[in-house]
Protein backbone atom coordinates (compact mmCIF):
# COMPACT_ATOMS: atom_id res chain seq x y z
CA UNK A 1 22.07 1.49 7.57
CA UNK A 2 18.04 1.35 7.68
CA UNK A 3 16.56 -0.97 4.65
CA UNK A 4 13.92 1.21 3.94
CA UNK A 5 12.30 4.81 4.71
CA UNK A 6 8.66 5.75 5.03
CA UNK A 7 7.08 8.93 4.68
CA UNK A 8 4.70 9.26 7.70
CA UNK A 9 2.05 11.53 7.38
CA UNK A 10 0.14 11.92 10.94
CA UNK A 11 -3.33 13.65 10.40
CA UNK A 12 -5.58 15.07 12.96
CA UNK A 13 -7.53 12.76 15.14
CA UNK A 14 -7.88 10.85 18.43
CA UNK A 15 -6.12 7.72 16.76
CA UNK A 16 -2.99 9.90 16.64
CA UNK A 17 -2.29 9.10 20.00
CA UNK A 18 -1.30 5.28 18.33
CA UNK A 19 1.16 7.00 16.12
CA UNK A 20 4.17 6.97 18.36
CA UNK A 21 3.78 3.09 19.20
CA UNK A 22 3.84 2.84 15.36
CA UNK A 23 7.04 5.11 14.83
CA UNK A 24 8.45 2.89 17.93
CA UNK A 25 7.85 -0.36 15.75
CA UNK A 26 8.99 0.47 12.71
CA UNK A 27 12.57 2.20 14.15
CA UNK A 28 12.94 -1.45 16.24
CA UNK A 29 12.55 -3.24 12.53
CA UNK A 30 15.19 -0.88 10.90
CA UNK A 31 12.35 1.47 9.33
CA UNK A 32 13.88 5.03 8.82
CA UNK A 33 10.74 6.76 9.51
CA UNK A 34 10.48 10.45 8.13
CA UNK A 35 7.23 12.53 10.16
CA UNK A 36 5.06 14.96 8.30
CA UNK A 37 2.44 16.48 10.93
CA UNK A 38 -0.80 18.31 10.03
CA UNK A 39 -1.77 21.43 11.74
CA UNK A 40 -4.91 19.42 13.19
CA UNK A 41 -2.44 16.66 13.97
CA UNK A 42 -0.50 18.68 16.03
CA UNK A 43 -3.65 19.08 18.47
CA UNK A 44 -3.05 15.29 19.33
CA UNK A 45 0.66 14.69 19.21
CA UNK A 46 3.57 17.32 18.97
CA UNK A 47 6.28 17.56 16.59
CA UNK A 48 8.77 17.02 19.05
CA UNK A 49 7.15 13.59 20.24
CA UNK A 50 7.63 12.30 16.50
CA UNK A 51 10.82 13.73 15.97
CA UNK A 52 12.19 12.25 19.20
CA UNK A 53 10.81 8.86 18.02
CA UNK A 54 11.81 8.93 14.66
CA UNK A 55 15.42 10.45 15.33
CA UNK A 56 14.22 12.96 12.20
CA UNK A 57 13.12 16.71 11.90
CA UNK A 58 9.34 16.38 11.71
CA UNK A 59 7.80 18.83 9.33
CA UNK A 60 4.78 20.89 9.31
CA UNK A 61 4.63 23.50 6.72
CA UNK A 62 5.01 23.60 3.33
CA UNK A 63 7.32 26.90 3.04
CA UNK A 64 8.92 25.66 6.57
CA UNK A 65 11.05 22.74 4.34
CA UNK A 66 14.95 24.47 4.08
CA UNK A 67 15.91 25.27 0.58
CA UNK A 68 12.46 25.19 -0.57
CA UNK A 69 13.69 27.32 -3.75
CA UNK A 70 15.41 23.73 -4.51
CA UNK A 71 11.63 22.19 -4.73
CA UNK A 72 12.31 20.65 -1.29
CA UNK A 73 8.56 19.53 -0.95
CA UNK A 74 9.10 17.62 -3.92
CA UNK A 75 12.31 15.80 -2.97
CA UNK A 76 10.44 14.87 0.41
CA UNK A 77 7.70 13.14 -1.51
CA UNK A 78 10.27 10.86 -3.31
CA UNK A 79 12.77 10.14 -1.05
CA UNK A 80 11.05 7.28 0.45
CA UNK A 81 10.13 3.87 -0.35
CA UNK A 82 6.34 3.98 1.15
CA UNK A 83 4.29 6.93 2.00
CA UNK A 84 1.85 6.23 5.08
CA UNK A 85 -1.11 8.68 6.02
CA UNK A 86 -2.10 7.42 9.75
CA UNK A 87 -4.68 8.64 10.59
CA UNK A 88 -6.14 9.39 7.65
CA UNK A 89 -8.93 11.40 8.26
CA UNK A 90 -12.08 12.35 6.13
CA UNK A 91 -10.77 15.41 5.09
CA UNK A 92 -7.66 14.36 4.11
CA UNK A 93 -8.98 11.53 2.33
CA UNK A 94 -11.07 13.97 0.51
CA UNK A 95 -8.50 16.30 -0.64
CA UNK A 96 -6.62 13.44 -1.44
CA UNK A 97 -9.27 12.25 -3.92
CA UNK A 98 -10.04 15.69 -5.30
CA UNK A 99 -6.13 16.38 -6.10
CA UNK A 100 -5.63 19.39 -3.92
CA UNK A 101 -2.32 20.62 -2.58
CA UNK A 102 -3.13 23.35 -0.35
CA UNK A 103 -1.10 22.41 2.59
CA UNK A 104 2.40 20.44 3.05
CA UNK A 105 0.45 16.74 3.39
CA UNK A 106 -1.77 17.11 0.26
CA UNK A 107 0.92 18.50 -1.41
CA UNK A 108 3.72 15.61 -0.81
CA UNK A 109 0.68 13.00 -1.59
CA UNK A 110 0.18 14.79 -4.83
CA UNK A 111 3.73 14.91 -5.57
CA UNK A 112 5.00 10.97 -4.83
CA UNK A 113 5.27 9.03 -7.22
CA UNK A 114 5.92 6.21 -4.51
CA UNK A 115 3.38 3.76 -3.13
CA UNK A 116 0.62 4.92 -0.70
CA UNK A 117 -0.67 3.35 2.35
CA UNK A 118 -3.83 4.77 3.88
CA UNK A 119 -5.08 4.24 7.44
CA UNK A 120 -8.37 5.45 7.80
CA UNK A 121 -9.53 6.89 11.29
CA UNK A 122 -12.87 8.73 12.13
CA UNK A 123 -16.32 8.46 13.11
CA UNK A 124 -18.74 5.68 11.83
CA UNK A 125 -21.22 7.94 10.27
CA UNK A 126 -18.43 9.51 8.68
CA UNK A 127 -16.89 6.73 7.28
CA UNK A 128 -20.13 5.24 6.20
CA UNK A 129 -21.19 8.26 4.50
CA UNK A 130 -21.52 7.83 0.59
CA UNK A 131 -19.41 10.79 -0.03
CA UNK A 132 -16.29 8.89 2.03
CA UNK A 133 -16.97 5.87 0.28
CA UNK A 134 -16.63 7.38 -2.95
CA UNK A 135 -13.53 8.91 -2.03
CA UNK A 136 -12.19 5.71 -1.11
CA UNK A 137 -13.19 4.16 -4.48
CA UNK A 138 -11.39 7.10 -6.21
CA UNK A 139 -8.14 6.47 -4.24
CA UNK A 140 -8.35 2.70 -5.09
CA UNK A 141 -8.69 3.34 -8.35
CA UNK A 142 -5.85 5.71 -8.29
CA UNK A 143 -4.04 2.73 -6.77
CA UNK A 144 -3.95 3.83 -3.10
CA UNK A 145 -3.48 0.95 -0.78
CA UNK A 146 -5.66 1.03 2.66
CA UNK A 147 -5.50 -0.91 5.69
CA UNK A 148 -8.37 -0.78 8.25
CA UNK A 149 -10.58 0.51 9.43
CA UNK A 150 -11.29 -1.51 12.35
CA UNK A 151 -15.02 -2.07 13.92
CA UNK A 152 -15.41 -1.30 17.55
CA UNK A 153 -15.96 1.25 20.20
CA UNK A 154 -14.99 5.05 19.65
CA UNK A 155 -13.90 7.86 21.52
CA UNK A 156 -17.01 9.75 20.47
CA UNK A 157 -18.95 6.79 22.44
CA UNK A 158 -20.74 5.35 19.20
CA UNK A 159 -19.53 1.69 18.01
CA UNK A 160 -18.81 0.74 14.18
CA UNK A 161 -16.08 0.62 11.32
CA UNK A 162 -13.91 3.53 11.64
CA UNK A 163 -11.44 2.92 14.15
CA UNK A 164 -7.69 3.23 13.00
CA UNK A 165 -6.20 0.12 12.40
CA UNK A 166 -3.67 -0.91 15.35
CA UNK A 167 -0.02 -0.18 14.80
CA UNK A 168 0.88 -3.90 14.83
CA UNK A 169 -1.72 -4.13 11.57
CA UNK A 170 -0.29 -1.04 9.83
CA UNK A 171 3.20 -2.81 10.38
CA UNK A 172 2.02 -5.61 8.69
CA UNK A 173 0.73 -3.72 5.89
CA UNK A 174 3.83 -1.94 5.65
CA UNK A 175 6.18 -4.72 5.21
CA UNK A 176 3.95 -6.30 2.84
CA UNK A 177 4.29 -3.01 0.88
CA UNK A 178 7.89 -3.04 1.21
CA UNK A 179 8.22 -6.75 0.34
CA UNK A 180 9.30 -7.91 3.81
CA UNK A 181 6.94 -10.14 5.10
CA UNK A 182 9.35 -10.64 8.05
CA UNK A 183 10.59 -8.21 10.59
CA UNK A 184 13.75 -6.28 8.81
CA UNK A 185 15.78 -6.88 11.60
CA UNK A 186 15.47 -10.42 12.66
CA UNK A 187 16.57 -11.41 16.77
CA UNK A 188 19.91 -12.74 16.85
CA UNK A 189 18.42 -16.45 17.66
CA UNK A 190 16.30 -16.49 14.69
CA UNK A 191 16.85 -19.36 12.25
CA UNK A 192 16.79 -18.13 8.47
CA UNK A 193 15.06 -21.37 6.62
CA UNK A 194 16.03 -20.08 3.52
CA UNK A 195 15.21 -17.43 0.77
CA UNK A 196 11.63 -16.02 0.51
CA UNK A 197 9.37 -17.57 -2.00
CA UNK A 198 8.32 -15.81 -5.01
CA UNK A 199 7.43 -18.47 -7.43
CA UNK A 200 4.57 -16.17 -8.69
CA UNK A 201 6.41 -13.19 -9.58
CA UNK A 202 5.50 -11.95 -12.96
CA UNK A 203 2.07 -13.74 -12.72
CA UNK A 204 -1.02 -12.22 -12.76
CA UNK A 205 -3.80 -14.16 -10.60
CA UNK A 206 -7.54 -13.04 -10.39
CA UNK A 207 -9.53 -13.51 -7.21
CA UNK A 208 -13.49 -13.33 -6.26
CA UNK A 209 -14.07 -12.94 -3.25
CA UNK A 210 -17.19 -12.00 -0.46
CA UNK A 211 -21.16 -12.41 -1.37
CA UNK A 212 -22.77 -10.38 -4.10
CA UNK A 213 -25.94 -8.29 -3.36
CA UNK A 214 -28.98 -8.59 -5.66
CA UNK A 215 -31.74 -5.67 -5.16
CA UNK A 216 -34.98 -6.35 -4.50
CA UNK A 217 -35.92 -2.42 -3.70
CA UNK A 218 -33.13 0.38 -2.67
CA UNK A 219 -33.17 -1.03 1.14
CA UNK A 220 -33.46 -4.97 0.51
CA UNK A 221 -31.18 -7.22 -1.21
CA UNK A 222 -30.65 -11.12 -1.56
CA UNK A 223 -27.58 -12.26 -0.40
CA UNK A 224 -25.49 -15.26 1.71
CA UNK A 225 -23.58 -15.50 4.95
CA UNK A 226 -20.20 -15.46 3.31
CA UNK A 227 -17.72 -13.02 5.21
CA UNK A 228 -14.91 -13.13 2.25
CA UNK A 229 -12.42 -13.88 4.87
CA UNK A 230 -11.22 -17.07 2.57
CA UNK A 231 -10.97 -15.30 -0.63
CA UNK A 232 -9.16 -12.32 0.63
CA UNK A 233 -6.69 -14.79 2.56
CA UNK A 234 -5.97 -16.16 -0.46
CA UNK A 235 -5.59 -12.95 -2.52
CA UNK A 236 -2.91 -12.31 0.40
CA UNK A 237 -1.11 -15.44 0.21
CA UNK A 238 -0.88 -15.46 -3.68
CA UNK A 239 0.45 -11.66 -2.87
CA UNK A 240 3.05 -12.78 -0.67
CA UNK A 241 4.17 -15.73 -3.53
CA UNK A 242 4.94 -12.68 -5.43
CA UNK A 243 1.83 -12.60 -7.93
CA UNK A 244 0.50 -9.48 -9.23
CA UNK A 245 -3.59 -9.90 -8.18
CA UNK A 246 -6.52 -8.61 -9.33
CA UNK A 247 -8.66 -8.91 -6.09
CA UNK A 248 -12.91 -8.49 -7.43
CA UNK A 249 -14.73 -8.50 -3.98
CA UNK A 250 -18.54 -7.99 -3.28
CA UNK A 251 -19.60 -6.32 -0.08
CA UNK A 252 -17.78 -8.56 2.12
CA UNK A 253 -17.29 -8.16 6.06
CA UNK A 254 -13.35 -8.02 6.17
CA UNK A 255 -11.31 -5.68 4.53
CA UNK A 256 -9.66 -6.16 1.15
CA UNK A 257 -5.77 -7.08 1.68
CA UNK A 258 -3.25 -4.35 0.85
CA UNK A 259 -0.68 -4.96 -2.12
CA UNK A 260 -3.40 -6.02 -4.62
CA UNK A 261 -5.69 -4.41 -7.09
CA UNK A 262 -9.24 -3.87 -5.32
CA UNK A 263 -12.24 -3.80 -7.80
CA UNK A 264 -15.38 -3.61 -5.47
CA UNK A 265 -18.64 -4.91 -6.96
CA UNK A 266 -22.34 -5.36 -5.64
CA UNK A 267 -24.06 -7.93 -7.97
CA UNK A 268 -23.38 -10.76 -9.94
CA UNK A 269 -23.28 -9.32 -13.25
CA UNK A 270 -20.73 -6.52 -12.05
CA UNK A 271 -18.71 -9.30 -10.69
CA UNK A 272 -18.53 -11.09 -14.15
CA UNK A 273 -18.05 -7.87 -16.03
CA UNK A 274 -14.85 -6.98 -13.52
CA UNK A 275 -13.17 -10.83 -13.96
CA UNK A 276 -13.52 -10.10 -17.84
CA UNK A 277 -12.14 -6.24 -17.70
CA UNK A 278 -9.12 -7.89 -15.51
CA UNK A 279 -8.50 -10.55 -18.01
CA UNK A 280 -6.03 -12.21 -19.40
CA UNK A 281 -4.56 -14.22 -16.74
CA UNK A 282 -2.35 -17.27 -15.55
CA UNK A 283 -4.74 -18.23 -13.03
CA UNK A 284 -8.40 -17.49 -11.76
CA UNK A 285 -9.83 -18.30 -8.28
CA UNK A 286 -13.29 -18.18 -8.20
CA UNK A 287 -14.04 -17.82 -4.15
CA UNK A 288 -16.83 -15.46 -4.05
CA UNK A 289 -20.27 -16.82 -3.13
CA UNK A 290 -22.36 -15.78 -5.83
CA UNK A 291 -25.89 -15.06 -5.77
CA UNK A 292 -27.72 -17.52 -8.14
CA UNK A 293 -30.92 -15.63 -8.85
CA UNK A 294 -31.48 -12.12 -9.62
CA UNK A 295 -34.81 -10.33 -8.76
CA UNK A 296 -35.95 -9.44 -12.34
CA UNK A 297 -38.74 -7.00 -11.21
CA UNK A 298 -36.27 -4.96 -8.48
CA UNK A 299 -37.96 -1.94 -7.50
CA UNK A 300 -36.78 2.14 -7.91
CA UNK A 301 -38.88 2.80 -4.26
CA UNK A 302 -39.41 0.66 -1.29
CA UNK A 303 -41.86 -1.84 -1.48
CA UNK A 304 -44.59 -1.00 0.91
CA UNK A 305 -47.25 -3.10 2.67
CA UNK A 306 -50.42 -2.78 0.82
CA UNK A 307 -52.71 -4.01 3.56
CA UNK A 308 -53.68 -7.44 1.98
CA UNK A 309 -51.19 -9.60 3.91
CA UNK A 310 -49.87 -11.07 0.62
CA UNK A 311 -46.29 -10.83 0.58
CA UNK A 312 -45.10 -8.73 -3.25
CA UNK A 313 -44.78 -10.96 -6.14
CA UNK A 314 -40.66 -11.24 -7.16
CA UNK A 315 -39.67 -12.52 -10.38
CA UNK A 316 -36.34 -14.28 -10.66
CA UNK A 317 -33.82 -14.89 -13.35
CA UNK A 318 -30.74 -16.81 -13.36
CA UNK A 319 -27.53 -14.65 -12.81
CA UNK A 320 -24.62 -15.54 -14.99
CA UNK A 321 -22.57 -18.52 -14.09
CA UNK A 322 -18.87 -16.88 -13.84
CA UNK A 323 -17.00 -19.82 -13.47
CA UNK A 324 -18.41 -21.97 -16.45
CA UNK A 325 -18.15 -18.86 -18.40
CA UNK A 326 -14.27 -18.38 -17.54
CA UNK A 327 -13.79 -22.28 -17.55
CA UNK A 328 -15.11 -22.04 -21.27
CA UNK A 329 -13.68 -19.53 -22.88
CA UNK A 330 -11.21 -20.05 -25.89
CA UNK A 331 -8.54 -17.32 -26.59
CA UNK A 332 -8.38 -15.65 -23.00
CA UNK A 333 -9.17 -18.88 -20.59
CA UNK A 334 -6.65 -18.54 -17.80
CA UNK A 335 -4.39 -21.49 -17.78
CA UNK A 336 -5.60 -22.55 -14.65
CA UNK A 337 -8.96 -22.23 -13.55
CA UNK A 338 -9.90 -23.06 -9.88
CA UNK A 339 -13.58 -22.80 -8.55
CA UNK A 340 -15.42 -23.32 -5.15
CA UNK A 341 -18.24 -25.58 -3.89
CA UNK A 342 -20.06 -24.75 -0.70
CA UNK A 343 -22.28 -27.83 -0.12
CA UNK A 344 -24.53 -29.03 2.86
CA UNK A 345 -24.79 -32.79 1.82
CA UNK A 346 -22.90 -35.18 -0.29
CA UNK A 347 -20.16 -32.86 -0.20
CA UNK A 348 -17.76 -34.73 -2.66
CA UNK A 349 -20.08 -35.93 -5.16
CA UNK A 350 -21.66 -32.89 -5.81
CA UNK A 351 -18.51 -30.71 -5.98
CA UNK A 352 -16.92 -33.57 -8.31
CA UNK A 353 -19.91 -33.11 -10.58
CA UNK A 354 -19.93 -29.05 -10.57
CA UNK A 355 -16.11 -29.45 -11.75
CA UNK A 356 -17.30 -31.68 -14.81
CA UNK A 357 -20.27 -29.45 -15.72
CA UNK A 358 -18.45 -26.13 -15.14
CA UNK A 359 -15.25 -27.18 -16.98
CA UNK A 360 -13.04 -25.90 -13.99
CA UNK A 361 -9.69 -27.35 -13.65
CA UNK A 362 -10.05 -27.56 -9.58
CA UNK A 363 -12.66 -27.25 -7.31
CA UNK A 364 -12.47 -26.39 -3.48
CA UNK A 365 -15.10 -28.35 -1.90
CA UNK A 366 -16.18 -27.76 1.79
CA UNK A 367 -19.13 -28.20 4.18
CA UNK A 368 -20.91 -24.70 5.09
CA UNK A 369 -23.64 -26.71 6.88
CA UNK A 370 -24.77 -24.59 10.04
CA UNK A 371 -23.15 -27.09 12.58
CA UNK A 372 -19.63 -26.79 11.20
CA UNK A 373 -19.30 -23.01 12.13
CA UNK A 374 -17.27 -22.43 8.65
CA UNK A 375 -19.79 -20.15 6.81
CA UNK A 376 -18.35 -16.80 8.20
CA UNK A 377 -15.88 -18.79 10.83
CA UNK A 378 -12.18 -18.51 10.85
CA UNK A 379 -11.30 -22.14 9.89
CA UNK A 380 -12.15 -23.99 7.11
CA UNK A 381 -12.25 -27.97 6.38
CA UNK A 382 -11.72 -28.27 2.31
CA UNK A 383 -11.56 -30.94 -0.54
CA UNK A 384 -9.47 -30.27 -3.34
CA UNK A 385 -10.86 -31.94 -6.13
CA UNK A 386 -9.18 -32.13 -9.69
CA UNK A 387 -8.02 -34.95 -12.33
CA UNK A 388 -6.16 -36.83 -9.75
CA UNK A 389 -9.22 -37.33 -7.56
CA UNK A 390 -10.21 -36.12 -4.03
CA UNK A 391 -7.77 -34.96 -1.68
CA UNK A 392 -8.90 -34.16 1.83
CA UNK A 393 -7.43 -31.69 3.71
CA UNK A 394 -7.80 -31.39 7.36
CA UNK A 395 -9.48 -28.33 9.51
CA UNK A 396 -7.18 -25.18 9.56
CA UNK A 397 -7.31 -21.73 10.07
CA UNK A 398 -8.53 -19.97 6.85
CA UNK A 399 -5.13 -18.38 6.29
CA UNK A 400 -3.41 -21.93 6.39
CA UNK A 401 -5.81 -22.85 3.66
CA UNK A 402 -5.11 -20.08 1.61
CA UNK A 403 -1.55 -20.72 2.11
CA UNK A 404 -1.69 -24.41 1.06
CA UNK A 405 -3.93 -23.68 -2.15
CA UNK A 406 -1.32 -20.53 -3.42
CA UNK A 407 1.70 -22.82 -3.04
CA UNK A 408 -0.29 -25.54 -5.24
CA UNK A 409 -1.31 -22.81 -7.79
CA UNK A 410 2.36 -21.99 -7.82
CA UNK A 411 3.40 -25.35 -8.41
CA UNK A 412 0.86 -25.54 -11.28
CA UNK A 413 1.93 -22.65 -13.22
CA UNK A 414 5.56 -24.05 -14.38
CA UNK A 415 5.31 -23.04 -17.73
CA UNK A 416 6.35 -19.48 -18.97
CA UNK A 417 5.10 -16.23 -17.47
CA UNK A 418 2.41 -15.20 -20.07
CA UNK A 419 0.14 -12.31 -18.09
CA UNK A 420 1.85 -10.96 -14.99
CA UNK A 421 3.52 -7.53 -16.68
CA UNK A 422 1.12 -5.02 -17.17
CA UNK A 423 2.29 -4.80 -21.01
CA UNK A 424 2.21 -8.16 -22.42
CA UNK A 425 5.58 -9.14 -24.32
């Protein structure tokens, strides 16, 4: 028998041509797929195709469900372990955010009590439009998880974010949300090395990530080159170990991980407020590259050249020191506070001094000099600084750094579970 059941809602869009391959991959791993096709989706892929691949009837109309007098749409919406919307168009996202229920797909999404994973697919301008971004924020605050969109060439000839994530990426997100990081059906030759590691089950960890943007005027801001890749990888690794993760992210280049609570911010002050709202927590990993300064006299209108040849005079004030503030809390301080130190010279000395000055338990230090390629790159070379001294790690992929750090955090949190559940005991 299949291990899990996914209700797959296929909306209209050229990306629907990838859905048959997604169904094949899910079925190959033993996931039962129940397809639902919108009227627009049927313009790109047929109900017969989805039904044949899923080996299940493909549902298309609200009142075509058998025995609708028994509320078949309610049963369908709750009989799955996970609801996946792929591709998710701007229109369907808008109707989800508004709570509409005027066709089968939107009715199922409103009636379900199961986790929802959305894979957006649309034109780059539609994705970047404030209305779509607002709808995404609403859905994320409602607990909906996102995978993608990716950046690349589009069928309309434009380039940018808006491409639906590839089937392999969507499948990885499905596995994570089903709590199964490995394929559900292992090859016969696979060697099972032991039970999955869920040492952080019941724990709550806050992770900050990405840069912050400090406005100068409506079109300009102060920022840095942080991509958010390391913080995202850390949040994913902690999630994989069973932690409940509150992921506070600035405007990063990489999409946030699935299966975590995503809190999007722009400025350092907003990040500090979001961290405070997420407390209490068992641990906190402050991986964000927070801007040290904010512009006090930021303008509401775009600053124009005045013909004098002189630059505008900007007045700066120091931003809140989130790491120091968190480390010095008394009642709600996390049991383990981990900071980051991105340095360009005397890395160990500066990072060691930073740990003592801020009051953090650990500092993860790295050299971000331009020649290292670490800032914005896929690899990292870090030194873990603690009471035990400086432990240098070899250069490795950022996902491997994240896994190693998550395992260290799991080792350190050996006391009783304090803040992992939504309601403290």
